[in-house]
Amino acid sequence: VPEPDPQWNGQDPDPASSPAPYRIYNIGSNAPVKLMDFIHEI
């Protein structure tokens, strides 16, 4: 369960956290692939 971020700064607000119990994350492979390479795998 997320908790409020005590380091959050309204003068330089981070969109991924908050003084509220709220977080945003990316979920990806972190290994981008060219579409044509993807097609070749198929």
PDB file of all heavy atoms in Angstrom:
ATOM      1  N   VAL A   1       0.842  -1.193   0.000  1.00  0.00           N
ATOM      2  CA  VAL A   1       0.000   0.000   0.000  1.00  0.00           C
ATOM      3  C   VAL A   1       0.883   1.251   0.000  1.00  0.00           C
ATOM      4  O   VAL A   1       1.793   1.378   0.825  1.00  0.00           O
ATOM      5  CB  VAL A   1      -0.925   0.011   1.227  1.00  0.00           C
ATOM      6  CG1 VAL A   1      -1.787   1.271   1.255  1.00  0.00           C
ATOM      7  CG2 VAL A   1      -1.800  -1.244   1.235  1.00  0.00           C
ATOM      8  N   PRO A   2       0.639   2.185  -0.933  1.00  0.00           N
ATOM      9  CA  PRO A   2       1.462   3.399  -0.969  1.00  0.00           C
ATOM     10  C   PRO A   2       1.183   4.314   0.221  1.00  0.00           C
ATOM     11  O   PRO A   2       0.075   4.341   0.752  1.00  0.00           O
ATOM     12  CB  PRO A   2       1.040   4.069  -2.284  1.00  0.00           C
ATOM     13  CG  PRO A   2      -0.362   3.601  -2.497  1.00  0.00           C
ATOM     14  CD  PRO A   2      -0.406   2.194  -1.972  1.00  0.00           C
ATOM     15  N   GLU A   3       2.206   5.045   0.613  1.00  0.00           N
ATOM     16  CA  GLU A   3       2.075   6.020   1.685  1.00  0.00           C
ATOM     17  C   GLU A   3       2.397   7.409   1.141  1.00  0.00           C
ATOM     18  O   GLU A   3       3.036   7.542   0.093  1.00  0.00           O
ATOM     19  CB  GLU A   3       3.026   5.666   2.835  1.00  0.00           C
ATOM     20  CG  GLU A   3       2.694   4.337   3.497  1.00  0.00           C
ATOM     21  CD  GLU A   3       3.626   4.018   4.647  1.00  0.00           C
ATOM     22  OE1 GLU A   3       4.606   4.771   4.837  1.00  0.00           O
ATOM     23  OE2 GLU A   3       3.374   3.023   5.352  1.00  0.00           O
ATOM     24  N   PRO A   4       1.973   8.459   1.819  1.00  0.00           N
ATOM     25  CA  PRO A   4       2.336   9.807   1.378  1.00  0.00           C
ATOM     26  C   PRO A   4       3.845   9.969   1.275  1.00  0.00           C
ATOM     27  O   PRO A   4       4.599   9.388   2.060  1.00  0.00           O
ATOM     28  CB  PRO A   4       1.745  10.693   2.480  1.00  0.00           C
ATOM     29  CG  PRO A   4       0.627   9.890   3.062  1.00  0.00           C
ATOM     30  CD  PRO A   4       1.073   8.468   2.998  1.00  0.00           C
ATOM     31  N   ASP A   5       4.273  10.734   0.286  1.00  0.00           N
ATOM     32  CA  ASP A   5       5.696  10.972   0.066  1.00  0.00           C
ATOM     33  C   ASP A   5       6.125  12.207   0.860  1.00  0.00           C
ATOM     34  O   ASP A   5       5.762  13.329   0.505  1.00  0.00           O
ATOM     35  CB  ASP A   5       5.957  11.181  -1.422  1.00  0.00           C
ATOM     36  CG  ASP A   5       7.424  11.420  -1.736  1.00  0.00           C
ATOM     37  OD1 ASP A   5       8.243  11.415  -0.796  1.00  0.00           O
ATOM     38  OD2 ASP A   5       7.747  11.616  -2.928  1.00  0.00           O
ATOM     39  N   PRO A   6       6.904  12.019   1.926  1.00  0.00           N
ATOM     40  CA  PRO A   6       7.284  13.178   2.758  1.00  0.00           C
ATOM     41  C   PRO A   6       8.240  14.134   2.040  1.00  0.00           C
ATOM     42  O   PRO A   6       8.399  15.277   2.475  1.00  0.00           O
ATOM     43  CB  PRO A   6       7.965  12.530   3.968  1.00  0.00           C
ATOM     44  CG  PRO A   6       8.452  11.205   3.466  1.00  0.00           C
ATOM     45  CD  PRO A   6       7.452  10.758   2.440  1.00  0.00           C
ATOM     46  N   GLN A   7       8.855  13.673   0.944  1.00  0.00           N
ATOM     47  CA  GLN A   7       9.798  14.505   0.204  1.00  0.00           C
ATOM     48  C   GLN A   7       9.132  15.313  -0.916  1.00  0.00           C
ATOM     49  O   GLN A   7       9.797  16.101  -1.592  1.00  0.00           O
ATOM     50  CB  GLN A   7      10.905  13.634  -0.402  1.00  0.00           C
ATOM     51  CG  GLN A   7      11.641  12.765   0.608  1.00  0.00           C
ATOM     52  CD  GLN A   7      12.308  13.566   1.701  1.00  0.00           C
ATOM     53  OE1 GLN A   7      12.890  14.625   1.434  1.00  0.00           O
ATOM     54  NE2 GLN A   7      12.213  13.106   2.946  1.00  0.00           N
ATOM     55  N   TRP A   8       7.825  15.098  -1.105  1.00  0.00           N
ATOM     56  CA  TRP A   8       7.150  15.767  -2.217  1.00  0.00           C
ATOM     57  C   TRP A   8       7.170  17.277  -2.023  1.00  0.00           C
ATOM     58  O   TRP A   8       6.943  17.780  -0.919  1.00  0.00           O
ATOM     59  CB  TRP A   8       5.713  15.262  -2.333  1.00  0.00           C
ATOM     60  CG  TRP A   8       5.059  15.624  -3.630  1.00  0.00           C
ATOM     61  CD1 TRP A   8       5.117  14.946  -4.807  1.00  0.00           C
ATOM     62  CD2 TRP A   8       4.202  16.756  -3.876  1.00  0.00           C
ATOM     63  NE1 TRP A   8       4.373  15.566  -5.779  1.00  0.00           N
ATOM     64  CE2 TRP A   8       3.806  16.696  -5.235  1.00  0.00           C
ATOM     65  CE3 TRP A   8       3.753  17.812  -3.092  1.00  0.00           C
ATOM     66  CZ2 TRP A   8       2.970  17.639  -5.815  1.00  0.00           C
ATOM     67  CZ3 TRP A   8       2.918  18.762  -3.673  1.00  0.00           C
ATOM     68  CH2 TRP A   8       2.536  18.668  -5.017  1.00  0.00           C
ATOM     69  N   ASN A   9       7.427  17.999  -3.101  1.00  0.00           N
ATOM     70  CA  ASN A   9       7.626  19.444  -3.026  1.00  0.00           C
ATOM     71  C   ASN A   9       6.676  20.142  -3.996  1.00  0.00           C
ATOM     72  O   ASN A   9       6.784  19.972  -5.211  1.00  0.00           O
ATOM     73  CB  ASN A   9       9.085  19.769  -3.368  1.00  0.00           C
ATOM     74  CG  ASN A   9       9.373  21.257  -3.329  1.00  0.00           C
ATOM     75  OD1 ASN A   9       8.506  22.073  -3.009  1.00  0.00           O
ATOM     76  ND2 ASN A   9      10.602  21.624  -3.664  1.00  0.00           N
ATOM     77  N   GLY A  10       5.768  20.933  -3.473  1.00  0.00           N
ATOM     78  CA  GLY A  10       4.810  21.646  -4.310  1.00  0.00           C
ATOM     79  C   GLY A  10       5.436  22.698  -5.200  1.00  0.00           C
ATOM     80  O   GLY A  10       4.836  23.131  -6.184  1.00  0.00           O
ATOM     81  N   GLN A  11       6.655  23.135  -4.883  1.00  0.00           N
ATOM     82  CA  GLN A  11       7.359  24.083  -5.739  1.00  0.00           C
ATOM     83  C   GLN A  11       7.960  23.396  -6.971  1.00  0.00           C
ATOM     84  O   GLN A  11       8.187  24.029  -7.994  1.00  0.00           O
ATOM     85  CB  GLN A  11       8.480  24.765  -4.944  1.00  0.00           C
ATOM     86  CG  GLN A  11       7.994  25.647  -3.808  1.00  0.00           C
ATOM     87  CD  GLN A  11       7.254  26.874  -4.310  1.00  0.00           C
ATOM     88  OE1 GLN A  11       7.672  27.520  -5.271  1.00  0.00           O
ATOM     89  NE2 GLN A  11       6.132  27.193  -3.666  1.00  0.00           N
ATOM     90  N   ASP A  12       8.223  22.116  -6.840  1.00  0.00           N
ATOM     91  CA  ASP A  12       8.769  21.313  -7.941  1.00  0.00           C
ATOM     92  C   ASP A  12       8.081  19.957  -7.921  1.00  0.00           C
ATOM     93  O   ASP A  12       8.667  18.935  -7.590  1.00  0.00           O
ATOM     94  CB  ASP A  12      10.285  21.151  -7.769  1.00  0.00           C
ATOM     95  CG  ASP A  12      10.925  20.403  -8.939  1.00  0.00           C
ATOM     96  OD1 ASP A  12      10.330  20.375 -10.044  1.00  0.00           O
ATOM     97  OD2 ASP A  12      12.018  19.818  -8.727  1.00  0.00           O
ATOM     98  N   PRO A  13       6.786  19.922  -8.276  1.00  0.00           N
ATOM     99  CA  PRO A  13       5.969  18.728  -8.050  1.00  0.00           C
ATOM    100  C   PRO A  13       6.349  17.553  -8.954  1.00  0.00           C
ATOM    101  O   PRO A  13       6.473  17.707 -10.167  1.00  0.00           O
ATOM    102  CB  PRO A  13       4.541  19.208  -8.348  1.00  0.00           C
ATOM    103  CG  PRO A  13       4.714  20.391  -9.244  1.00  0.00           C
ATOM    104  CD  PRO A  13       6.002  21.045  -8.843  1.00  0.00           C
ATOM    105  N   ASP A  14       6.539  16.399  -8.348  1.00  0.00           N
ATOM    106  CA  ASP A  14       6.816  15.162  -9.079  1.00  0.00           C
ATOM    107  C   ASP A  14       5.474  14.511  -9.408  1.00  0.00           C
ATOM    108  O   ASP A  14       4.728  14.135  -8.496  1.00  0.00           O
ATOM    109  CB  ASP A  14       7.660  14.230  -8.218  1.00  0.00           C
ATOM    110  CG  ASP A  14       7.953  12.902  -8.900  1.00  0.00           C
ATOM    111  OD1 ASP A  14       7.539  12.722 -10.068  1.00  0.00           O
ATOM    112  OD2 ASP A  14       8.606  12.048  -8.271  1.00  0.00           O
ATOM    113  N   PRO A  15       5.118  14.350 -10.708  1.00  0.00           N
ATOM    114  CA  PRO A  15       3.829  13.757 -11.066  1.00  0.00           C
ATOM    115  C   PRO A  15       3.663  12.313 -10.605  1.00  0.00           C
ATOM    116  O   PRO A  15       2.545  11.806 -10.558  1.00  0.00           O
ATOM    117  CB  PRO A  15       3.813  13.836 -12.597  1.00  0.00           C
ATOM    118  CG  PRO A  15       4.834  14.851 -12.968  1.00  0.00           C
ATOM    119  CD  PRO A  15       5.882  14.771 -11.902  1.00  0.00           C
ATOM    120  N   ALA A  16       4.773  11.617 -10.290  1.00  0.00           N
ATOM    121  CA  ALA A  16       4.707  10.197  -9.958  1.00  0.00           C
ATOM    122  C   ALA A  16       4.450   9.925  -8.485  1.00  0.00           C
ATOM    123  O   ALA A  16       4.236   8.779  -8.098  1.00  0.00           O
ATOM    124  CB  ALA A  16       6.000   9.504 -10.383  1.00  0.00           C
ATOM    125  N   SER A  17       4.474  10.972  -7.638  1.00  0.00           N
ATOM    126  CA  SER A  17       4.209  10.775  -6.222  1.00  0.00           C
ATOM    127  C   SER A  17       3.376  11.941  -5.705  1.00  0.00           C
ATOM    128  O   SER A  17       2.945  12.807  -6.472  1.00  0.00           O
ATOM    129  CB  SER A  17       5.518  10.634  -5.441  1.00  0.00           C
ATOM    130  OG  SER A  17       6.218  11.861  -5.415  1.00  0.00           O
ATOM    131  N   SER A  18       3.174  11.965  -4.384  1.00  0.00           N
ATOM    132  CA  SER A  18       2.235  12.952  -3.850  1.00  0.00           C
ATOM    133  C   SER A  18       2.327  12.987  -2.333  1.00  0.00           C
ATOM    134  O   SER A  18       2.760  12.009  -1.710  1.00  0.00           O
ATOM    135  CB  SER A  18       0.810  12.574  -4.261  1.00  0.00           C
ATOM    136  OG  SER A  18      -0.150  13.413  -3.653  1.00  0.00           O
ATOM    137  N   PRO A  19       1.878  14.074  -1.709  1.00  0.00           N
ATOM    138  CA  PRO A  19       1.687  14.048  -0.262  1.00  0.00           C
ATOM    139  C   PRO A  19       0.479  13.200   0.126  1.00  0.00           C
ATOM    140  O   PRO A  19       0.252  12.938   1.305  1.00  0.00           O
ATOM    141  CB  PRO A  19       1.470  15.522   0.093  1.00  0.00           C
ATOM    142  CG  PRO A  19       0.974  16.148  -1.165  1.00  0.00           C
ATOM    143  CD  PRO A  19       1.629  15.404  -2.286  1.00  0.00           C
ATOM    144  N   ALA A  20      -0.296  12.766  -0.863  1.00  0.00           N
ATOM    145  CA  ALA A  20      -1.376  11.798  -0.663  1.00  0.00           C
ATOM    146  C   ALA A  20      -0.810  10.390  -0.899  1.00  0.00           C
ATOM    147  O   ALA A  20       0.265  10.235  -1.483  1.00  0.00           O
ATOM    148  CB  ALA A  20      -2.522  12.079  -1.644  1.00  0.00           C
ATOM    149  N   PRO A  21      -1.522   9.349  -0.483  1.00  0.00           N
ATOM    150  CA  PRO A  21      -1.055   7.971  -0.722  1.00  0.00           C
ATOM    151  C   PRO A  21      -1.292   7.574  -2.184  1.00  0.00           C
ATOM    152  O   PRO A  21      -2.256   6.877  -2.517  1.00  0.00           O
ATOM    153  CB  PRO A  21      -1.902   7.139   0.240  1.00  0.00           C
ATOM    154  CG  PRO A  21      -3.167   7.928   0.403  1.00  0.00           C
ATOM    155  CD  PRO A  21      -2.756   9.377   0.339  1.00  0.00           C
ATOM    156  N   TYR A  22      -0.393   7.995  -3.055  1.00  0.00           N
ATOM    157  CA  TYR A  22      -0.611   7.889  -4.507  1.00  0.00           C
ATOM    158  C   TYR A  22       0.734   7.731  -5.199  1.00  0.00           C
ATOM    159  O   TYR A  22       1.707   8.432  -4.869  1.00  0.00           O
ATOM    160  CB  TYR A  22      -1.308   9.159  -4.993  1.00  0.00           C
ATOM    161  CG  TYR A  22      -1.476   9.278  -6.493  1.00  0.00           C
ATOM    162  CD1 TYR A  22      -2.579   8.725  -7.136  1.00  0.00           C
ATOM    163  CD2 TYR A  22      -0.536   9.965  -7.271  1.00  0.00           C
ATOM    164  CE1 TYR A  22      -2.757   8.863  -8.506  1.00  0.00           C
ATOM    165  CE2 TYR A  22      -0.706  10.106  -8.644  1.00  0.00           C
ATOM    166  CZ  TYR A  22      -1.813   9.547  -9.248  1.00  0.00           C
ATOM    167  OH  TYR A  22      -1.983   9.680 -10.605  1.00  0.00           O
ATOM    168  N   ARG A  23       0.804   6.807  -6.170  1.00  0.00           N
ATOM    169  CA  ARG A  23       2.023   6.612  -6.943  1.00  0.00           C
ATOM    170  C   ARG A  23       1.657   6.264  -8.390  1.00  0.00           C
ATOM    171  O   ARG A  23       0.597   5.680  -8.666  1.00  0.00           O
ATOM    172  CB  ARG A  23       2.874   5.468  -6.384  1.00  0.00           C
ATOM    173  CG  ARG A  23       3.482   5.730  -5.016  1.00  0.00           C
ATOM    174  CD  ARG A  23       4.564   6.792  -5.041  1.00  0.00           C
ATOM    175  NE  ARG A  23       5.243   6.897  -3.759  1.00  0.00           N
ATOM    176  CZ  ARG A  23       4.769   7.538  -2.700  1.00  0.00           C
ATOM    177  NH1 ARG A  23       3.583   8.145  -2.771  1.00  0.00           N
ATOM    178  NH2 ARG A  23       5.458   7.592  -1.569  1.00  0.00           N
ATOM    179  N   ILE A  24       2.573   6.598  -9.292  1.00  0.00           N
ATOM    180  CA  ILE A  24       2.482   6.201 -10.699  1.00  0.00           C
ATOM    181  C   ILE A  24       3.794   5.506 -11.066  1.00  0.00           C
ATOM    182  O   ILE A  24       4.879   5.990 -10.736  1.00  0.00           O
ATOM    183  CB  ILE A  24       2.283   7.418 -11.629  1.00  0.00           C
ATOM    184  CG1 ILE A  24       0.910   8.053 -11.408  1.00  0.00           C
ATOM    185  CG2 ILE A  24       2.445   7.008 -13.091  1.00  0.00           C
ATOM    186  CD1 ILE A  24      -0.265   7.240 -11.925  1.00  0.00           C
ATOM    187  N   TYR A  25       3.683   4.361 -11.765  1.00  0.00           N
ATOM    188  CA  TYR A  25       4.861   3.625 -12.233  1.00  0.00           C
ATOM    189  C   TYR A  25       4.678   3.207 -13.690  1.00  0.00           C
ATOM    190  O   TYR A  25       3.547   2.963 -14.152  1.00  0.00           O
ATOM    191  CB  TYR A  25       5.077   2.350 -11.412  1.00  0.00           C
ATOM    192  CG  TYR A  25       5.374   2.576  -9.952  1.00  0.00           C
ATOM    193  CD1 TYR A  25       4.355   2.480  -9.007  1.00  0.00           C
ATOM    194  CD2 TYR A  25       6.658   2.877  -9.515  1.00  0.00           C
ATOM    195  CE1 TYR A  25       4.607   2.685  -7.662  1.00  0.00           C
ATOM    196  CE2 TYR A  25       6.926   3.078  -8.162  1.00  0.00           C
ATOM    197  CZ  TYR A  25       5.899   2.982  -7.243  1.00  0.00           C
ATOM    198  OH  TYR A  25       6.149   3.186  -5.913  1.00  0.00           O
ATOM    199  N   ASN A  26       5.784   3.123 -14.403  1.00  0.00           N
ATOM    200  CA  ASN A  26       5.818   2.443 -15.699  1.00  0.00           C
ATOM    201  C   ASN A  26       6.054   0.953 -15.477  1.00  0.00           C
ATOM    202  O   ASN A  26       6.827   0.570 -14.594  1.00  0.00           O
ATOM    203  CB  ASN A  26       6.979   2.959 -16.561  1.00  0.00           C
ATOM    204  CG  ASN A  26       6.769   4.367 -17.070  1.00  0.00           C
ATOM    205  OD1 ASN A  26       5.643   4.822 -17.258  1.00  0.00           O
ATOM    206  ND2 ASN A  26       7.865   5.075 -17.318  1.00  0.00           N
ATOM    207  N   ILE A  27       5.411   0.125 -16.315  1.00  0.00           N
ATOM    208  CA  ILE A  27       5.798  -1.295 -16.405  1.00  0.00           C
ATOM    209  C   ILE A  27       6.101  -1.584 -17.864  1.00  0.00           C
ATOM    210  O   ILE A  27       5.205  -1.572 -18.716  1.00  0.00           O
ATOM    211  CB  ILE A  27       4.708  -2.260 -15.918  1.00  0.00           C
ATOM    212  CG1 ILE A  27       4.338  -2.006 -14.458  1.00  0.00           C
ATOM    213  CG2 ILE A  27       5.209  -3.696 -16.054  1.00  0.00           C
ATOM    214  CD1 ILE A  27       3.433  -3.063 -13.868  1.00  0.00           C
ATOM    215  N   GLY A  28       7.361  -1.815 -18.167  1.00  0.00           N
ATOM    216  CA  GLY A  28       7.790  -2.138 -19.526  1.00  0.00           C
ATOM    217  C   GLY A  28       8.969  -3.079 -19.475  1.00  0.00           C
ATOM    218  O   GLY A  28       9.452  -3.455 -18.397  1.00  0.00           O
ATOM    219  N   SER A  29       9.447  -3.464 -20.634  1.00  0.00           N
ATOM    220  CA  SER A  29      10.597  -4.372 -20.705  1.00  0.00           C
ATOM    221  C   SER A  29      11.908  -3.615 -20.580  1.00  0.00           C
ATOM    222  O   SER A  29      12.947  -4.210 -20.307  1.00  0.00           O
ATOM    223  CB  SER A  29      10.578  -5.140 -22.027  1.00  0.00           C
ATOM    224  OG  SER A  29      10.837  -4.253 -23.103  1.00  0.00           O
ATOM    225  N   ASN A  30      11.870  -2.305 -20.816  1.00  0.00           N
ATOM    226  CA  ASN A  30      13.072  -1.463 -20.858  1.00  0.00           C
ATOM    227  C   ASN A  30      14.044  -1.952 -21.932  1.00  0.00           C
ATOM    228  O   ASN A  30      15.255  -1.780 -21.811  1.00  0.00           O
ATOM    229  CB  ASN A  30      13.759  -1.413 -19.491  1.00  0.00           C
ATOM    230  CG  ASN A  30      14.729  -0.256 -19.372  1.00  0.00           C
ATOM    231  OD1 ASN A  30      14.564   0.774 -20.016  1.00  0.00           O
ATOM    232  ND2 ASN A  30      15.767  -0.427 -18.568  1.00  0.00           N
ATOM    233  N   ALA A  31      13.490  -2.576 -22.984  1.00  0.00           N
ATOM    234  CA  ALA A  31      14.321  -3.076 -24.086  1.00  0.00           C
ATOM    235  C   ALA A  31      13.551  -2.904 -25.394  1.00  0.00           C
ATOM    236  O   ALA A  31      13.000  -3.859 -25.938  1.00  0.00           O
ATOM    237  CB  ALA A  31      14.683  -4.540 -23.869  1.00  0.00           C
ATOM    238  N   PRO A  32      13.454  -1.660 -25.907  1.00  0.00           N
ATOM    239  CA  PRO A  32      12.652  -1.399 -27.107  1.00  0.00           C
ATOM    240  C   PRO A  32      13.122  -2.224 -28.307  1.00  0.00           C
ATOM    241  O   PRO A  32      14.313  -2.525 -28.453  1.00  0.00           O
ATOM    242  CB  PRO A  32      12.871   0.098 -27.349  1.00  0.00           C
ATOM    243  CG  PRO A  32      13.317   0.646 -26.045  1.00  0.00           C
ATOM    244  CD  PRO A  32      14.083  -0.446 -25.382  1.00  0.00           C
ATOM    245  N   VAL A  33      12.143  -2.591 -29.139  1.00  0.00           N
ATOM    246  CA  VAL A  33      12.398  -3.446 -30.301  1.00  0.00           C
ATOM    247  C   VAL A  33      11.816  -2.778 -31.540  1.00  0.00           C
ATOM    248  O   VAL A  33      10.693  -2.246 -31.496  1.00  0.00           O
ATOM    249  CB  VAL A  33      11.752  -4.836 -30.099  1.00  0.00           C
ATOM    250  CG1 VAL A  33      11.902  -5.706 -31.346  1.00  0.00           C
ATOM    251  CG2 VAL A  33      12.361  -5.531 -28.884  1.00  0.00           C
ATOM    252  N   LYS A  34      12.557  -2.815 -32.631  1.00  0.00           N
ATOM    253  CA  LYS A  34      12.032  -2.295 -33.886  1.00  0.00           C
ATOM    254  C   LYS A  34      10.877  -3.172 -34.361  1.00  0.00           C
ATOM    255  O   LYS A  34      10.933  -4.400 -34.253  1.00  0.00           O
ATOM    256  CB  LYS A  34      13.135  -2.269 -34.944  1.00  0.00           C
ATOM    257  CG  LYS A  34      14.260  -1.288 -34.660  1.00  0.00           C
ATOM    258  CD  LYS A  34      15.324  -1.359 -35.748  1.00  0.00           C
ATOM    259  CE  LYS A  34      16.453  -0.368 -35.463  1.00  0.00           C
ATOM    260  NZ  LYS A  34      17.529  -0.458 -36.495  1.00  0.00           N
ATOM    261  N   LEU A  35       9.848  -2.530 -34.897  1.00  0.00           N
ATOM    262  CA  LEU A  35       8.674  -3.267 -35.340  1.00  0.00           C
ATOM    263  C   LEU A  35       9.044  -4.332 -36.369  1.00  0.00           C
ATOM    264  O   LEU A  35       8.520  -5.460 -36.317  1.00  0.00           O
ATOM    265  CB  LEU A  35       7.633  -2.306 -35.923  1.00  0.00           C
ATOM    266  CG  LEU A  35       6.352  -2.960 -36.458  1.00  0.00           C
ATOM    267  CD1 LEU A  35       5.631  -3.734 -35.361  1.00  0.00           C
ATOM    268  CD2 LEU A  35       5.425  -1.907 -37.053  1.00  0.00           C
ATOM    269  N   MET A  36       9.934  -4.030 -37.296  1.00  0.00           N
ATOM    270  CA  MET A  36      10.295  -5.009 -38.320  1.00  0.00           C
ATOM    271  C   MET A  36      11.023  -6.210 -37.699  1.00  0.00           C
ATOM    272  O   MET A  36      10.848  -7.346 -38.152  1.00  0.00           O
ATOM    273  CB  MET A  36      11.151  -4.364 -39.405  1.00  0.00           C
ATOM    274  CG  MET A  36      10.405  -3.337 -40.261  1.00  0.00           C
ATOM    275  SD  MET A  36       8.838  -3.941 -40.956  1.00  0.00           S
ATOM    276  CE  MET A  36       9.407  -5.352 -41.908  1.00  0.00           C
ATOM    277  N   ASP A  37      11.802  -5.985 -36.644  1.00  0.00           N
ATOM    278  CA  ASP A  37      12.443  -7.107 -35.955  1.00  0.00           C
ATOM    279  C   ASP A  37      11.404  -7.980 -35.261  1.00  0.00           C
ATOM    280  O   ASP A  37      11.541  -9.214 -35.206  1.00  0.00           O
ATOM    281  CB  ASP A  37      13.465  -6.592 -34.932  1.00  0.00           C
ATOM    282  CG  ASP A  37      14.686  -5.960 -35.580  1.00  0.00           C
ATOM    283  OD1 ASP A  37      14.918  -6.206 -36.788  1.00  0.00           O
ATOM    284  OD2 ASP A  37      15.405  -5.207 -34.886  1.00  0.00           O
ATOM    285  N   PHE A  38      10.376  -7.341 -34.730  1.00  0.00           N
ATOM    286  CA  PHE A  38       9.277  -8.071 -34.093  1.00  0.00           C
ATOM    287  C   PHE A  38       8.574  -8.953 -35.132  1.00  0.00           C
ATOM    288  O   PHE A  38       8.273 -10.128 -34.871  1.00  0.00           O
ATOM    289  CB  PHE A  38       8.308  -7.067 -33.487  1.00  0.00           C
ATOM    290  CG  PHE A  38       7.294  -7.646 -32.536  1.00  0.00           C
ATOM    291  CD1 PHE A  38       7.683  -8.139 -31.302  1.00  0.00           C
ATOM    292  CD2 PHE A  38       5.949  -7.667 -32.864  1.00  0.00           C
ATOM    293  CE1 PHE A  38       6.746  -8.653 -30.414  1.00  0.00           C
ATOM    294  CE2 PHE A  38       5.007  -8.180 -31.990  1.00  0.00           C
ATOM    295  CZ  PHE A  38       5.408  -8.673 -30.760  1.00  0.00           C
ATOM    296  N   ILE A  39       8.321  -8.390 -36.303  1.00  0.00           N
ATOM    297  CA  ILE A  39       7.688  -9.152 -37.388  1.00  0.00           C
ATOM    298  C   ILE A  39       8.572 -10.323 -37.809  1.00  0.00           C
ATOM    299  O   ILE A  39       8.077 -11.438 -38.060  1.00  0.00           O
ATOM    300  CB  ILE A  39       7.373  -8.230 -38.577  1.00  0.00           C
ATOM    301  CG1 ILE A  39       6.266  -7.237 -38.188  1.00  0.00           C
ATOM    302  CG2 ILE A  39       6.960  -9.033 -39.804  1.00  0.00           C
ATOM    303  CD1 ILE A  39       6.023  -6.138 -39.195  1.00  0.00           C
ATOM    304  N   HIS A  40       9.879 -10.121 -37.869  1.00  0.00           N
ATOM    305  CA  HIS A  40      10.787 -11.213 -38.247  1.00  0.00           C
ATOM    306  C   HIS A  40      10.724 -12.349 -37.231  1.00  0.00           C
ATOM    307  O   HIS A  40      10.838 -13.529 -37.618  1.00  0.00           O
ATOM    308  CB  HIS A  40      12.221 -10.688 -38.366  1.00  0.00           C
ATOM    309  CG  HIS A  40      12.428  -9.720 -39.487  1.00  0.00           C
ATOM    310  ND1 HIS A  40      11.710  -9.803 -40.676  1.00  0.00           N
ATOM    311  CD2 HIS A  40      13.275  -8.653 -39.614  1.00  0.00           C
ATOM    312  CE1 HIS A  40      12.107  -8.816 -41.482  1.00  0.00           C
ATOM    313  NE2 HIS A  40      13.036  -8.117 -40.860  1.00  0.00           N
ATOM    314  N   GLU A  41      10.529 -12.033 -35.961  1.00  0.00           N
ATOM    315  CA  GLU A  41      10.392 -13.082 -34.949  1.00  0.00           C
ATOM    316  C   GLU A  41       9.129 -13.914 -35.191  1.00  0.00           C
ATOM    317  O   GLU A  41       9.142 -15.134 -35.027  1.00  0.00           O
ATOM    318  CB  GLU A  41      10.351 -12.474 -33.538  1.00  0.00           C
ATOM    319  CG  GLU A  41      11.688 -12.052 -32.993  1.00  0.00           C
ATOM    320  CD  GLU A  41      12.652 -13.213 -32.836  1.00  0.00           C
ATOM    321  OE1 GLU A  41      12.222 -14.324 -32.417  1.00  0.00           O
ATOM    322  OE2 GLU A  41      13.843 -13.033 -33.144  1.00  0.00           O
ATOM    323  N   ILE A  42       8.057 -13.244 -35.580  1.00  0.00           N
ATOM    324  CA  ILE A  42       6.816 -13.976 -35.895  1.00  0.00           C
ATOM    325  C   ILE A  42       7.045 -14.878 -37.098  1.00  0.00           C
ATOM    326  O   ILE A  42       6.665 -16.069 -37.094  1.00  0.00           O
ATOM    327  CB  ILE A  42       5.663 -12.988 -36.175  1.00  0.00           C
ATOM    328  CG1 ILE A  42       5.459 -12.037 -34.994  1.00  0.00           C
ATOM    329  CG2 ILE A  42       4.371 -13.757 -36.467  1.00  0.00           C
ATOM    330  CD1 ILE A  42       4.493 -10.900 -35.281  1.00  0.00           C
TER     331      ILE A  42
END
